[in-house]
Every structure is written in C-alpha cells, then in structure tokens.
Amino acid sequence: MILGLTLLYVGAVLFVNGIWLLGKISDKEISVINILVGTLSFLTALYLIFHDPGNLSSISAGAFTILFAFTYLWVGANQLLKVDGTGLGWFCLFVSITAAIVGINSISSLSADFSLWNTFNWFAWSLLWFCFFTLLALSKNIQKSVAFYSIFCAVFTGWIPGIMILQKMITV
C-alpha cells in the first residue's frame, strides 16, 4: 500500500509539473506540491530503509525513492530561490542513468504481472529524467515536449497504478 500512496502523489506532482512547464502555473506556486511530494517520498524512503534494516529489497526501494524525492525537493527549492536549475539538470542525468540500470536489471524478472509495469516504469522515468537533464543542464528548447511527456508519465506511471494499488485492483 505504501507504493500506491507514493505513486498517487508522484502522479500528481508530475501532472502539475507538466502543466507548469506549459506555462499554466507560476513558479512560486509549483514549489508547494514539489515540496509536499518530495517530503512525503523522502519520509517513505526513510521508513523503507530503517523499518526493517535487514530487508535488502526494502533498502533498495528506499534508496531509489530518495533519488526522486530529492528531485522534487530541489525543484521546489529552485522555484523559491529563483535559480535556473542547471545543477538539478545534472542531478537528473545521474537519476536517469540509475533508473536505466534498474530497468535493465528488472528485465530478468519479467512476467505478465506487476514486474512488467515496473520495468516499463523504470525506462519511462529514465527517459523523463533524461529529458529534464536536456532541458535544464543543456538548455535545449524542448519544454513543451517535456511537459507533455511529464503528463503522460504522471498518468501511466503514477496516477493510474497508484489508484489501482490503493483500491486493491492489483497487488504488488
């Protein structure tokens, strides 16, 4: 259930960030949801890491969750501080490469259940964070495309799976 909770709010933040990238939300206003979801994800990650310190898969999930939690916190801080996000862009490259590695490693456990969605998720997020890197660190003019892809990822990697897990329509 903790995964469903996290994914629901990840879906929300990616959706709203996509709308923000389309210029429909102000910079200061977008910081609120990023800080909320970043904090929620960070606390969830700490719980995963320290609740059962002998559980290696829980520690791994917590470690990877912190990568994304820190991204949302950094976006929120950047908007409050009015900085350009270049440093965040380079961090996004690190997240993108890490997500790709996790995606590649998850291929070995593919089946027609949750693991298929999980593998798709890692590759979708790897591409999204690579887009953030390209937009922020390399200053490429791809904001509109990144906005639409963020909304796509929000719906299909966060929002819908989060609701399905929370409503017990799928089990993980």
N, C-alpha and C. Protein backbone atom coordinates (compact mmCIF):
# COMPACT_ATOMS: atom_id res chain seq x y z
N MET A 1 0.81 -1.20 0.00
CA MET A 1 0.00 0.00 0.00
C MET A 1 0.86 1.27 0.00
N ILE A 2 2.03 1.19 0.61
CA ILE A 2 2.90 2.37 0.64
C ILE A 2 3.32 2.77 -0.77
N LEU A 3 3.48 1.77 -1.66
CA LEU A 3 3.81 2.07 -3.05
C LEU A 3 2.65 2.81 -3.72
N GLY A 4 1.44 2.37 -3.48
CA GLY A 4 0.27 3.05 -4.05
C GLY A 4 0.18 4.49 -3.60
N LEU A 5 0.42 4.73 -2.32
CA LEU A 5 0.41 6.10 -1.77
C LEU A 5 1.44 6.97 -2.47
N THR A 6 2.65 6.44 -2.56
CA THR A 6 3.72 7.21 -3.19
C THR A 6 3.43 7.46 -4.66
N LEU A 7 2.99 6.45 -5.37
CA LEU A 7 2.73 6.61 -6.81
C LEU A 7 1.60 7.60 -7.08
N LEU A 8 0.57 7.59 -6.24
CA LEU A 8 -0.52 8.54 -6.42
C LEU A 8 0.00 9.98 -6.38
N TYR A 9 0.84 10.27 -5.40
CA TYR A 9 1.37 11.63 -5.28
C TYR A 9 2.46 11.95 -6.30
N VAL A 10 3.21 10.93 -6.72
CA VAL A 10 4.15 11.13 -7.82
C VAL A 10 3.38 11.47 -9.09
N GLY A 11 2.27 10.78 -9.30
CA GLY A 11 1.41 11.11 -10.44
C GLY A 11 0.94 12.56 -10.37
N ALA A 12 0.54 12.98 -9.18
CA ALA A 12 0.06 14.36 -9.00
C ALA A 12 1.16 15.38 -9.30
N VAL A 13 2.36 15.15 -8.76
CA VAL A 13 3.43 16.13 -8.94
C VAL A 13 3.89 16.17 -10.40
N LEU A 14 3.99 15.01 -11.05
CA LEU A 14 4.40 15.02 -12.45
C LEU A 14 3.33 15.67 -13.33
N PHE A 15 2.07 15.45 -13.01
CA PHE A 15 0.98 16.07 -13.76
C PHE A 15 1.02 17.59 -13.63
N VAL A 16 1.11 18.06 -12.40
CA VAL A 16 1.13 19.51 -12.16
C VAL A 16 2.41 20.13 -12.71
N ASN A 17 3.54 19.42 -12.60
CA ASN A 17 4.79 19.94 -13.18
C ASN A 17 4.68 20.04 -14.70
N GLY A 18 4.00 19.09 -15.32
CA GLY A 18 3.78 19.17 -16.77
C GLY A 18 2.96 20.40 -17.14
N ILE A 19 1.91 20.66 -16.38
CA ILE A 19 1.08 21.85 -16.60
C ILE A 19 1.92 23.12 -16.39
N TRP A 20 2.78 23.09 -15.37
CA TRP A 20 3.68 24.22 -15.09
C TRP A 20 4.64 24.45 -16.27
N LEU A 21 5.19 23.36 -16.81
CA LEU A 21 6.10 23.50 -17.95
C LEU A 21 5.40 24.07 -19.18
N LEU A 22 4.08 23.91 -19.24
CA LEU A 22 3.30 24.52 -20.33
C LEU A 22 3.00 26.00 -20.05
N GLY A 23 3.47 26.50 -18.91
CA GLY A 23 3.29 27.91 -18.58
C GLY A 23 1.96 28.26 -17.95
N LYS A 24 1.26 27.27 -17.42
CA LYS A 24 -0.08 27.50 -16.87
C LYS A 24 -0.09 27.70 -15.36
N ILE A 25 1.05 27.52 -14.70
CA ILE A 25 1.17 27.67 -13.24
C ILE A 25 2.43 28.48 -12.96
N SER A 26 2.37 29.34 -11.95
CA SER A 26 3.54 30.18 -11.62
C SER A 26 4.63 29.37 -10.92
N ASP A 27 5.85 29.90 -10.99
CA ASP A 27 7.00 29.23 -10.38
C ASP A 27 6.83 29.05 -8.88
N LYS A 28 6.41 30.11 -8.18
CA LYS A 28 6.28 30.01 -6.73
C LYS A 28 5.20 29.01 -6.34
N GLU A 29 4.12 28.98 -7.11
CA GLU A 29 3.02 28.09 -6.77
C GLU A 29 3.41 26.62 -6.96
N ILE A 30 4.24 26.34 -7.94
CA ILE A 30 4.63 24.95 -8.22
C ILE A 30 5.51 24.40 -7.11
N SER A 31 6.16 25.27 -6.37
CA SER A 31 7.03 24.80 -5.29
C SER A 31 6.25 24.05 -4.21
N VAL A 32 4.99 24.41 -3.99
CA VAL A 32 4.21 23.80 -2.91
C VAL A 32 4.07 22.29 -3.11
N ILE A 33 3.59 21.86 -4.26
CA ILE A 33 3.38 20.42 -4.48
C ILE A 33 4.70 19.67 -4.56
N ASN A 34 5.73 20.30 -5.11
CA ASN A 34 7.03 19.63 -5.18
C ASN A 34 7.61 19.39 -3.78
N ILE A 35 7.48 20.37 -2.91
CA ILE A 35 7.98 20.20 -1.55
C ILE A 35 7.14 19.18 -0.79
N LEU A 36 5.82 19.20 -0.98
CA LEU A 36 4.95 18.23 -0.33
C LEU A 36 5.29 16.80 -0.77
N VAL A 37 5.34 16.56 -2.07
CA VAL A 37 5.59 15.21 -2.58
C VAL A 37 7.04 14.80 -2.31
N GLY A 38 7.96 15.75 -2.40
CA GLY A 38 9.35 15.44 -2.07
C GLY A 38 9.49 15.01 -0.62
N THR A 39 8.81 15.70 0.28
CA THR A 39 8.86 15.36 1.70
C THR A 39 8.18 14.02 1.96
N LEU A 40 7.01 13.81 1.38
CA LEU A 40 6.29 12.54 1.54
C LEU A 40 7.14 11.38 1.03
N SER A 41 7.73 11.54 -0.14
CA SER A 41 8.56 10.48 -0.73
C SER A 41 9.81 10.24 0.10
N PHE A 42 10.40 11.31 0.62
CA PHE A 42 11.60 11.18 1.45
C PHE A 42 11.28 10.43 2.74
N LEU A 43 10.17 10.78 3.38
CA LEU A 43 9.78 10.09 4.61
C LEU A 43 9.44 8.62 4.34
N THR A 44 8.80 8.36 3.22
CA THR A 44 8.50 6.98 2.82
C THR A 44 9.80 6.22 2.62
N ALA A 45 10.77 6.83 1.96
CA ALA A 45 12.05 6.18 1.73
C ALA A 45 12.76 5.87 3.05
N LEU A 46 12.73 6.82 3.97
CA LEU A 46 13.36 6.57 5.27
C LEU A 46 12.68 5.42 5.99
N TYR A 47 11.37 5.37 5.91
CA TYR A 47 10.63 4.25 6.51
C TYR A 47 11.08 2.93 5.88
N LEU A 48 11.16 2.89 4.55
CA LEU A 48 11.57 1.67 3.87
C LEU A 48 12.98 1.24 4.28
N ILE A 49 13.86 2.19 4.43
CA ILE A 49 15.25 1.89 4.76
C ILE A 49 15.41 1.43 6.21
N PHE A 50 14.74 2.11 7.13
CA PHE A 50 15.01 1.86 8.55
C PHE A 50 13.97 1.00 9.27
N HIS A 51 12.82 0.76 8.66
CA HIS A 51 11.79 -0.05 9.32
C HIS A 51 12.23 -1.50 9.49
N ASP A 52 12.85 -2.04 8.46
CA ASP A 52 13.34 -3.42 8.50
C ASP A 52 14.75 -3.43 7.91
N PRO A 53 15.75 -3.00 8.68
CA PRO A 53 17.09 -2.79 8.14
C PRO A 53 17.75 -4.04 7.54
N GLY A 54 17.22 -5.21 7.82
CA GLY A 54 17.78 -6.42 7.23
C GLY A 54 17.17 -6.78 5.89
N ASN A 55 16.14 -6.05 5.47
CA ASN A 55 15.44 -6.34 4.22
C ASN A 55 16.10 -5.56 3.08
N LEU A 56 16.92 -6.26 2.30
CA LEU A 56 17.69 -5.59 1.26
C LEU A 56 16.81 -4.99 0.16
N SER A 57 15.71 -5.63 -0.20
CA SER A 57 14.85 -5.07 -1.25
C SER A 57 14.15 -3.80 -0.75
N SER A 58 13.83 -3.74 0.53
CA SER A 58 13.23 -2.54 1.10
C SER A 58 14.24 -1.39 1.13
N ILE A 59 15.48 -1.70 1.48
CA ILE A 59 16.54 -0.68 1.49
C ILE A 59 16.78 -0.18 0.07
N SER A 60 16.80 -1.08 -0.89
CA SER A 60 16.98 -0.71 -2.29
C SER A 60 15.85 0.21 -2.75
N ALA A 61 14.61 -0.16 -2.46
CA ALA A 61 13.46 0.67 -2.83
C ALA A 61 13.56 2.04 -2.20
N GLY A 62 13.97 2.09 -0.94
CA GLY A 62 14.13 3.38 -0.26
C GLY A 62 15.22 4.23 -0.88
N ALA A 63 16.33 3.60 -1.22
CA ALA A 63 17.45 4.34 -1.83
C ALA A 63 17.03 4.95 -3.16
N PHE A 64 16.33 4.17 -3.99
CA PHE A 64 15.90 4.70 -5.28
C PHE A 64 14.81 5.76 -5.12
N THR A 65 13.96 5.60 -4.12
CA THR A 65 12.91 6.59 -3.87
C THR A 65 13.51 7.94 -3.49
N ILE A 66 14.59 7.93 -2.74
CA ILE A 66 15.24 9.19 -2.35
C ILE A 66 15.72 9.96 -3.57
N LEU A 67 16.18 9.26 -4.62
CA LEU A 67 16.61 9.96 -5.84
C LEU A 67 15.48 10.85 -6.37
N PHE A 68 14.28 10.29 -6.42
CA PHE A 68 13.14 11.04 -6.96
C PHE A 68 12.65 12.07 -5.96
N ALA A 69 12.62 11.71 -4.67
CA ALA A 69 12.19 12.65 -3.63
C ALA A 69 13.07 13.90 -3.65
N PHE A 70 14.37 13.68 -3.78
CA PHE A 70 15.30 14.81 -3.79
C PHE A 70 15.07 15.69 -5.02
N THR A 71 14.71 15.09 -6.13
CA THR A 71 14.41 15.87 -7.33
C THR A 71 13.26 16.83 -7.07
N TYR A 72 12.17 16.32 -6.48
CA TYR A 72 11.01 17.17 -6.22
C TYR A 72 11.35 18.27 -5.22
N LEU A 73 12.11 17.93 -4.19
CA LEU A 73 12.51 18.95 -3.21
C LEU A 73 13.38 20.02 -3.89
N TRP A 74 14.25 19.60 -4.78
CA TRP A 74 15.14 20.53 -5.47
C TRP A 74 14.34 21.44 -6.40
N VAL A 75 13.35 20.88 -7.11
CA VAL A 75 12.50 21.72 -7.97
C VAL A 75 11.82 22.79 -7.12
N GLY A 76 11.25 22.37 -5.99
CA GLY A 76 10.58 23.32 -5.11
C GLY A 76 11.53 24.40 -4.61
N ALA A 77 12.72 24.01 -4.20
CA ALA A 77 13.71 24.98 -3.71
C ALA A 77 14.14 25.92 -4.83
N ASN A 78 14.36 25.39 -6.03
CA ASN A 78 14.77 26.23 -7.16
C ASN A 78 13.75 27.33 -7.43
N GLN A 79 12.47 26.99 -7.35
CA GLN A 79 11.45 27.99 -7.65
C GLN A 79 11.37 29.04 -6.55
N LEU A 80 11.55 28.64 -5.32
CA LEU A 80 11.54 29.61 -4.22
C LEU A 80 12.77 30.50 -4.26
N LEU A 81 13.91 29.93 -4.64
CA LEU A 81 15.17 30.67 -4.69
C LEU A 81 15.38 31.39 -6.01
N LYS A 82 14.55 31.10 -6.99
CA LYS A 82 14.63 31.71 -8.32
C LYS A 82 15.99 31.46 -8.99
N VAL A 83 16.40 30.19 -9.00
CA VAL A 83 17.63 29.82 -9.69
C VAL A 83 17.27 29.05 -10.95
N ASP A 84 18.23 28.89 -11.85
CA ASP A 84 17.93 28.35 -13.18
C ASP A 84 17.80 26.84 -13.27
N GLY A 85 18.26 26.08 -12.31
CA GLY A 85 18.09 24.63 -12.32
C GLY A 85 19.18 23.85 -13.03
N THR A 86 20.29 24.48 -13.37
CA THR A 86 21.36 23.77 -14.06
C THR A 86 21.90 22.62 -13.22
N GLY A 87 22.13 22.86 -11.94
CA GLY A 87 22.61 21.81 -11.05
C GLY A 87 21.61 20.67 -10.95
N LEU A 88 20.35 21.00 -10.86
CA LEU A 88 19.30 19.98 -10.84
C LEU A 88 19.33 19.17 -12.13
N GLY A 89 19.57 19.84 -13.24
CA GLY A 89 19.65 19.13 -14.52
C GLY A 89 20.73 18.07 -14.52
N TRP A 90 21.89 18.39 -13.98
CA TRP A 90 22.97 17.40 -13.92
C TRP A 90 22.61 16.27 -12.96
N PHE A 91 21.93 16.59 -11.86
CA PHE A 91 21.46 15.53 -10.96
C PHE A 91 20.47 14.63 -11.69
N CYS A 92 19.63 15.21 -12.53
CA CYS A 92 18.66 14.43 -13.30
C CYS A 92 19.36 13.44 -14.23
N LEU A 93 20.53 13.79 -14.76
CA LEU A 93 21.29 12.85 -15.58
C LEU A 93 21.69 11.63 -14.73
N PHE A 94 22.15 11.89 -13.53
CA PHE A 94 22.51 10.81 -12.60
C PHE A 94 21.30 9.91 -12.33
N VAL A 95 20.14 10.53 -12.07
CA VAL A 95 18.91 9.77 -11.82
C VAL A 95 18.52 8.97 -13.06
N SER A 96 18.62 9.57 -14.22
CA SER A 96 18.26 8.92 -15.48
C SER A 96 19.11 7.66 -15.71
N ILE A 97 20.40 7.78 -15.53
CA ILE A 97 21.30 6.64 -15.73
C ILE A 97 20.99 5.55 -14.70
N THR A 98 20.78 5.95 -13.46
CA THR A 98 20.45 4.98 -12.40
C THR A 98 19.15 4.25 -12.73
N ALA A 99 18.12 4.99 -13.15
CA ALA A 99 16.83 4.38 -13.49
C ALA A 99 16.98 3.42 -14.67
N ALA A 100 17.80 3.77 -15.64
CA ALA A 100 18.03 2.87 -16.78
C ALA A 100 18.69 1.57 -16.33
N ILE A 101 19.65 1.67 -15.44
CA ILE A 101 20.32 0.47 -14.91
C ILE A 101 19.32 -0.41 -14.17
N VAL A 102 18.49 0.21 -13.33
CA VAL A 102 17.47 -0.56 -12.60
C VAL A 102 16.50 -1.20 -13.58
N GLY A 103 16.11 -0.47 -14.62
CA GLY A 103 15.22 -1.02 -15.64
C GLY A 103 15.83 -2.21 -16.34
N ILE A 104 17.09 -2.09 -16.71
CA ILE A 104 17.79 -3.21 -17.38
C ILE A 104 17.85 -4.42 -16.45
N ASN A 105 18.17 -4.19 -15.19
CA ASN A 105 18.24 -5.29 -14.23
C ASN A 105 16.88 -5.93 -13.98
N SER A 106 15.81 -5.16 -14.11
CA SER A 106 14.48 -5.70 -13.84
C SER A 106 13.95 -6.55 -15.00
N ILE A 107 14.60 -6.48 -16.15
CA ILE A 107 14.17 -7.29 -17.30
C ILE A 107 14.26 -8.79 -16.97
N SER A 108 15.23 -9.16 -16.18
CA SER A 108 15.43 -10.59 -15.87
C SER A 108 14.26 -11.19 -15.09
N SER A 109 13.46 -10.37 -14.43
CA SER A 109 12.34 -10.90 -13.65
C SER A 109 10.99 -10.59 -14.32
N LEU A 110 11.01 -10.36 -15.63
CA LEU A 110 9.78 -10.02 -16.33
C LEU A 110 8.78 -11.17 -16.35
N SER A 111 7.55 -10.82 -16.08
CA SER A 111 6.42 -11.74 -16.24
C SER A 111 5.20 -10.86 -16.55
N ALA A 112 4.05 -11.47 -16.69
CA ALA A 112 2.86 -10.72 -17.10
C ALA A 112 2.15 -10.09 -15.91
N ASP A 113 2.86 -9.79 -14.86
CA ASP A 113 2.23 -9.18 -13.70
C ASP A 113 2.84 -7.80 -13.43
N PHE A 114 2.97 -7.46 -12.19
CA PHE A 114 3.48 -6.16 -11.79
C PHE A 114 4.89 -5.90 -12.31
N SER A 115 5.70 -6.93 -12.47
CA SER A 115 7.09 -6.72 -12.89
C SER A 115 7.18 -6.12 -14.30
N LEU A 116 6.23 -6.42 -15.15
CA LEU A 116 6.21 -5.83 -16.49
C LEU A 116 5.99 -4.33 -16.39
N TRP A 117 5.00 -3.92 -15.58
CA TRP A 117 4.75 -2.50 -15.37
C TRP A 117 5.96 -1.84 -14.73
N ASN A 118 6.57 -2.51 -13.75
CA ASN A 118 7.72 -1.96 -13.04
C ASN A 118 8.87 -1.69 -14.00
N THR A 119 9.15 -2.61 -14.90
CA THR A 119 10.22 -2.42 -15.88
C THR A 119 9.89 -1.25 -16.80
N PHE A 120 8.65 -1.20 -17.29
CA PHE A 120 8.21 -0.07 -18.12
C PHE A 120 8.42 1.24 -17.37
N ASN A 121 8.05 1.26 -16.09
CA ASN A 121 8.18 2.46 -15.27
C ASN A 121 9.62 2.96 -15.21
N TRP A 122 10.54 2.06 -14.93
CA TRP A 122 11.94 2.47 -14.81
C TRP A 122 12.45 3.10 -16.10
N PHE A 123 12.09 2.51 -17.24
CA PHE A 123 12.54 3.08 -18.51
C PHE A 123 11.83 4.40 -18.82
N ALA A 124 10.54 4.48 -18.49
CA ALA A 124 9.80 5.74 -18.71
C ALA A 124 10.39 6.85 -17.85
N TRP A 125 10.69 6.54 -16.59
CA TRP A 125 11.28 7.56 -15.71
C TRP A 125 12.70 7.90 -16.13
N SER A 126 13.45 6.91 -16.60
CA SER A 126 14.80 7.19 -17.08
C SER A 126 14.75 8.20 -18.23
N LEU A 127 13.84 7.98 -19.17
CA LEU A 127 13.71 8.91 -20.29
C LEU A 127 13.23 10.28 -19.81
N LEU A 128 12.28 10.31 -18.89
CA LEU A 128 11.78 11.59 -18.39
C LEU A 128 12.88 12.39 -17.69
N TRP A 129 13.65 11.71 -16.84
CA TRP A 129 14.72 12.44 -16.13
C TRP A 129 15.83 12.83 -17.10
N PHE A 130 16.04 12.06 -18.18
CA PHE A 130 16.99 12.47 -19.21
C PHE A 130 16.47 13.73 -19.93
N CYS A 131 15.17 13.79 -20.14
CA CYS A 131 14.58 14.99 -20.73
C CYS A 131 14.77 16.20 -19.82
N PHE A 132 14.61 15.99 -18.50
CA PHE A 132 14.85 17.08 -17.55
C PHE A 132 16.30 17.54 -17.62
N PHE A 133 17.23 16.59 -17.73
CA PHE A 133 18.65 16.92 -17.88
C PHE A 133 18.86 17.76 -19.14
N THR A 134 18.29 17.33 -20.24
CA THR A 134 18.46 18.04 -21.51
C THR A 134 17.88 19.44 -21.44
N LEU A 135 16.73 19.56 -20.82
CA LEU A 135 16.06 20.86 -20.68
C LEU A 135 16.84 21.79 -19.75
N LEU A 136 17.25 21.29 -18.59
CA LEU A 136 17.84 22.15 -17.56
C LEU A 136 19.35 22.33 -17.71
N ALA A 137 20.10 21.25 -17.87
CA ALA A 137 21.56 21.36 -17.89
C ALA A 137 22.09 21.78 -19.26
N LEU A 138 21.42 21.30 -20.33
CA LEU A 138 21.90 21.61 -21.67
C LEU A 138 21.14 22.77 -22.31
N SER A 139 20.11 23.25 -21.62
CA SER A 139 19.30 24.39 -22.07
C SER A 139 18.71 24.21 -23.47
N LYS A 140 18.29 22.99 -23.77
CA LYS A 140 17.66 22.73 -25.06
C LYS A 140 16.20 23.19 -25.01
N ASN A 141 15.70 23.65 -26.13
CA ASN A 141 14.34 24.18 -26.22
C ASN A 141 13.34 23.04 -26.47
N ILE A 142 13.11 22.25 -25.42
CA ILE A 142 12.20 21.10 -25.54
C ILE A 142 11.12 21.14 -24.45
N GLN A 143 10.88 22.30 -23.91
CA GLN A 143 10.00 22.43 -22.75
C GLN A 143 8.60 21.87 -23.01
N LYS A 144 8.02 22.17 -24.17
CA LYS A 144 6.66 21.71 -24.46
C LYS A 144 6.61 20.18 -24.57
N SER A 145 7.59 19.59 -25.23
CA SER A 145 7.64 18.13 -25.34
C SER A 145 7.82 17.48 -23.97
N VAL A 146 8.70 18.05 -23.15
CA VAL A 146 8.92 17.52 -21.81
C VAL A 146 7.64 17.66 -20.98
N ALA A 147 6.92 18.74 -21.16
CA ALA A 147 5.66 18.94 -20.44
C ALA A 147 4.67 17.84 -20.77
N PHE A 148 4.49 17.54 -22.04
CA PHE A 148 3.53 16.51 -22.44
C PHE A 148 3.98 15.12 -22.00
N TYR A 149 5.29 14.87 -22.06
CA TYR A 149 5.79 13.57 -21.60
C TYR A 149 5.64 13.44 -20.09
N SER A 150 5.83 14.54 -19.35
CA SER A 150 5.61 14.53 -17.90
C SER A 150 4.17 14.17 -17.57
N ILE A 151 3.24 14.74 -18.31
CA ILE A 151 1.83 14.44 -18.09
C ILE A 151 1.54 12.97 -18.42
N PHE A 152 2.11 12.48 -19.51
CA PHE A 152 1.96 11.06 -19.87
C PHE A 152 2.47 10.17 -18.74
N CYS A 153 3.68 10.44 -18.26
CA CYS A 153 4.25 9.65 -17.17
C CYS A 153 3.42 9.79 -15.90
N ALA A 154 2.90 10.98 -15.65
CA ALA A 154 2.06 11.18 -14.47
C ALA A 154 0.88 10.22 -14.46
N VAL A 155 0.23 10.12 -15.60
CA VAL A 155 -0.98 9.30 -15.70
C VAL A 155 -0.65 7.81 -15.68
N PHE A 156 0.33 7.39 -16.48
CA PHE A 156 0.55 5.97 -16.69
C PHE A 156 1.59 5.31 -15.78
N THR A 157 2.45 6.10 -15.14
CA THR A 157 3.43 5.50 -14.23
C THR A 157 3.16 5.86 -12.78
N GLY A 158 2.26 6.77 -12.53
CA GLY A 158 1.99 7.19 -11.16
C GLY A 158 0.52 7.12 -10.78
N TRP A 159 -0.28 7.97 -11.41
CA TRP A 159 -1.66 8.16 -11.02
C TRP A 159 -2.48 6.87 -11.13
N ILE A 160 -2.58 6.29 -12.33
CA ILE A 160 -3.39 5.08 -12.52
C ILE A 160 -2.87 3.91 -11.68
N PRO A 161 -1.57 3.59 -11.74
CA PRO A 161 -1.10 2.48 -10.89
C PRO A 161 -1.30 2.76 -9.40
N GLY A 162 -1.09 4.01 -8.98
CA GLY A 162 -1.30 4.35 -7.58
C GLY A 162 -2.72 4.08 -7.13
N ILE A 163 -3.68 4.52 -7.94
CA ILE A 163 -5.10 4.27 -7.62
C ILE A 163 -5.38 2.77 -7.62
N MET A 164 -4.86 2.07 -8.61
CA MET A 164 -5.13 0.62 -8.71
C MET A 164 -4.57 -0.13 -7.50
N ILE A 165 -3.40 0.25 -7.03
CA ILE A 165 -2.81 -0.39 -5.84
C ILE A 165 -3.63 -0.03 -4.60
N LEU A 166 -3.96 1.25 -4.44
CA LEU A 166 -4.72 1.68 -3.26
C LEU A 166 -6.12 1.08 -3.21
N GLN A 167 -6.71 0.86 -4.38
CA GLN A 167 -8.06 0.26 -4.45
C GLN A 167 -8.01 -1.26 -4.51
N LYS A 168 -6.80 -1.82 -4.36
CA LYS A 168 -6.57 -3.27 -4.37
C LYS A 168 -7.03 -3.93 -5.67
N MET A 169 -6.92 -3.18 -6.77
CA MET A 169 -7.24 -3.73 -8.08
C MET A 169 -6.08 -4.54 -8.62
N ILE A 170 -4.87 -4.22 -8.13
CA ILE A 170 -3.67 -5.01 -8.42
C ILE A 170 -2.91 -5.18 -7.13
N THR A 171 -2.13 -6.22 -7.05
CA THR A 171 -1.29 -6.45 -5.88
C THR A 171 0.17 -6.42 -6.29
N VAL A 172 0.98 -5.98 -5.37
CA VAL A 172 2.42 -5.90 -5.63
C VAL A 172 3.17 -6.72 -4.62
